[in-house]
Amino acid sequence: MRFTAFEVRRLIILLAPLAEREERIRHGLAWSAYRRLHQAIARACHRRSRARQHTTHTPSELPQPP
């Protein structure tokens, strides 16, 4: 999965030299990993749902035009 512009921006901001830099980097990387995992799960669920919608009807079950 590719990084989004928002995620890249957030990771770049983390590299700014501020107090507690290491903690901010750890937190940012953990957030990024969580977000990417959540996106992957959501994408898989969406695809599974779409696949079920397309395979639940056989041609004989579809409504026939009058």
C-alpha atoms as a PDB file:
ATOM      1  CA  MET A   1       0.000   0.000   0.000  1.00  0.00           C
ATOM      2  CA  ARG A   2       1.394   3.399  -0.965  1.00  0.00           C
ATOM      3  CA  PHE A   3       1.879   6.250   1.480  1.00  0.00           C
ATOM      4  CA  THR A   4      -0.683   9.041   1.263  1.00  0.00           C
ATOM      5  CA  ALA A   5       0.358  12.694   1.023  1.00  0.00           C
ATOM      6  CA  PHE A   6      -0.989  13.285   4.539  1.00  0.00           C
ATOM      7  CA  GLU A   7       1.028  10.387   5.929  1.00  0.00           C
ATOM      8  CA  VAL A   8       4.238  11.547   4.222  1.00  0.00           C
ATOM      9  CA  ARG A   9       3.690  15.067   5.590  1.00  0.00           C
ATOM     10  CA  ARG A  10       3.141  13.714   9.081  1.00  0.00           C
ATOM     11  CA  LEU A  11       6.299  11.578   8.932  1.00  0.00           C
ATOM     12  CA  ILE A  12       8.394  14.507   7.677  1.00  0.00           C
ATOM     13  CA  ILE A  13       7.150  16.699  10.528  1.00  0.00           C
ATOM     14  CA  LEU A  14       8.309  14.027  12.950  1.00  0.00           C
ATOM     15  CA  LEU A  15      11.884  14.472  11.803  1.00  0.00           C
ATOM     16  CA  ALA A  16      11.957  18.148  12.878  1.00  0.00           C
ATOM     17  CA  PRO A  17      14.493  18.746  15.646  1.00  0.00           C
ATOM     18  CA  LEU A  18      12.362  19.220  18.747  1.00  0.00           C
ATOM     19  CA  ALA A  19      12.530  18.087  22.376  1.00  0.00           C
ATOM     20  CA  GLU A  20      11.722  14.423  22.917  1.00  0.00           C
ATOM     21  CA  ARG A  21      12.462  13.738  19.265  1.00  0.00           C
ATOM     22  CA  GLU A  22      12.918   9.990  19.680  1.00  0.00           C
ATOM     23  CA  GLU A  23       9.577   9.632  21.456  1.00  0.00           C
ATOM     24  CA  ARG A  24       7.835  11.639  18.734  1.00  0.00           C
ATOM     25  CA  ILE A  25       9.421   9.456  16.060  1.00  0.00           C
ATOM     26  CA  ARG A  26       8.370   6.252  17.851  1.00  0.00           C
ATOM     27  CA  HIS A  27       4.830   7.572  18.274  1.00  0.00           C
ATOM     28  CA  GLY A  28       4.649   8.679  14.642  1.00  0.00           C
ATOM     29  CA  LEU A  29       5.907   5.372  13.316  1.00  0.00           C
ATOM     30  CA  ALA A  30       3.454   3.477  15.531  1.00  0.00           C
ATOM     31  CA  TRP A  31       0.622   5.700  14.274  1.00  0.00           C
ATOM     32  CA  SER A  32       1.704   5.109  10.674  1.00  0.00           C
ATOM     33  CA  ALA A  33       1.802   1.334  11.167  1.00  0.00           C
ATOM     34  CA  TYR A  34      -1.639   1.381  12.818  1.00  0.00           C
ATOM     35  CA  ARG A  35      -3.107   3.520  10.041  1.00  0.00           C
ATOM     36  CA  ARG A  36      -1.676   1.350   7.274  1.00  0.00           C
ATOM     37  CA  LEU A  37      -2.962  -1.808   8.983  1.00  0.00           C
ATOM     38  CA  HIS A  38      -6.410  -0.263   9.391  1.00  0.00           C
ATOM     39  CA  GLN A  39      -6.447   0.769   5.706  1.00  0.00           C
ATOM     40  CA  ALA A  40      -5.420  -2.730   4.609  1.00  0.00           C
ATOM     41  CA  ILE A  41      -8.148  -4.339   6.737  1.00  0.00           C
ATOM     42  CA  ALA A  42     -10.765  -1.878   5.462  1.00  0.00           C
ATOM     43  CA  ARG A  43      -9.711  -2.501   1.859  1.00  0.00           C
ATOM     44  CA  ALA A  44      -9.893  -6.292   2.317  1.00  0.00           C
ATOM     45  CA  CYS A  45     -13.345  -6.050   3.939  1.00  0.00           C
ATOM     46  CA  HIS A  46     -14.580  -3.776   1.160  1.00  0.00           C
ATOM     47  CA  ARG A  47     -13.320  -6.124  -1.541  1.00  0.00           C
ATOM     48  CA  ARG A  48     -14.811  -9.138   0.242  1.00  0.00           C
ATOM     49  CA  SER A  49     -18.151  -7.377   0.524  1.00  0.00           C
ATOM     50  CA  ARG A  50     -18.082  -6.385  -3.158  1.00  0.00           C
ATOM     51  CA  ALA A  51     -17.151  -9.922  -4.193  1.00  0.00           C
ATOM     52  CA  ARG A  52     -20.121 -11.302  -2.231  1.00  0.00           C
ATOM     53  CA  GLN A  53     -22.478  -8.822  -3.883  1.00  0.00           C
ATOM     54  CA  HIS A  54     -21.351  -9.884  -7.332  1.00  0.00           C
ATOM     55  CA  THR A  55     -21.485 -13.632  -6.691  1.00  0.00           C
ATOM     56  CA  THR A  56     -24.703 -14.000  -4.692  1.00  0.00           C
ATOM     57  CA  HIS A  57     -27.027 -13.920  -7.709  1.00  0.00           C
ATOM     58  CA  THR A  58     -27.067 -16.479 -10.476  1.00  0.00           C
ATOM     59  CA  PRO A  59     -28.525 -15.399 -13.835  1.00  0.00           C
ATOM     60  CA  SER A  60     -31.787 -17.316 -13.122  1.00  0.00           C
ATOM     61  CA  GLU A  61     -32.273 -15.404  -9.838  1.00  0.00           C
ATOM     62  CA  LEU A  62     -32.012 -11.977 -11.433  1.00  0.00           C
ATOM     63  CA  PRO A  63     -35.294 -10.178 -12.119  1.00  0.00           C
ATOM     64  CA  GLN A  64     -36.465 -10.537 -15.711  1.00  0.00           C
ATOM     65  CA  PRO A  65     -37.655  -7.493 -17.657  1.00  0.00           C
ATOM     66  CA  PRO A  66     -41.417  -7.442 -18.413  1.00  0.00           C
END
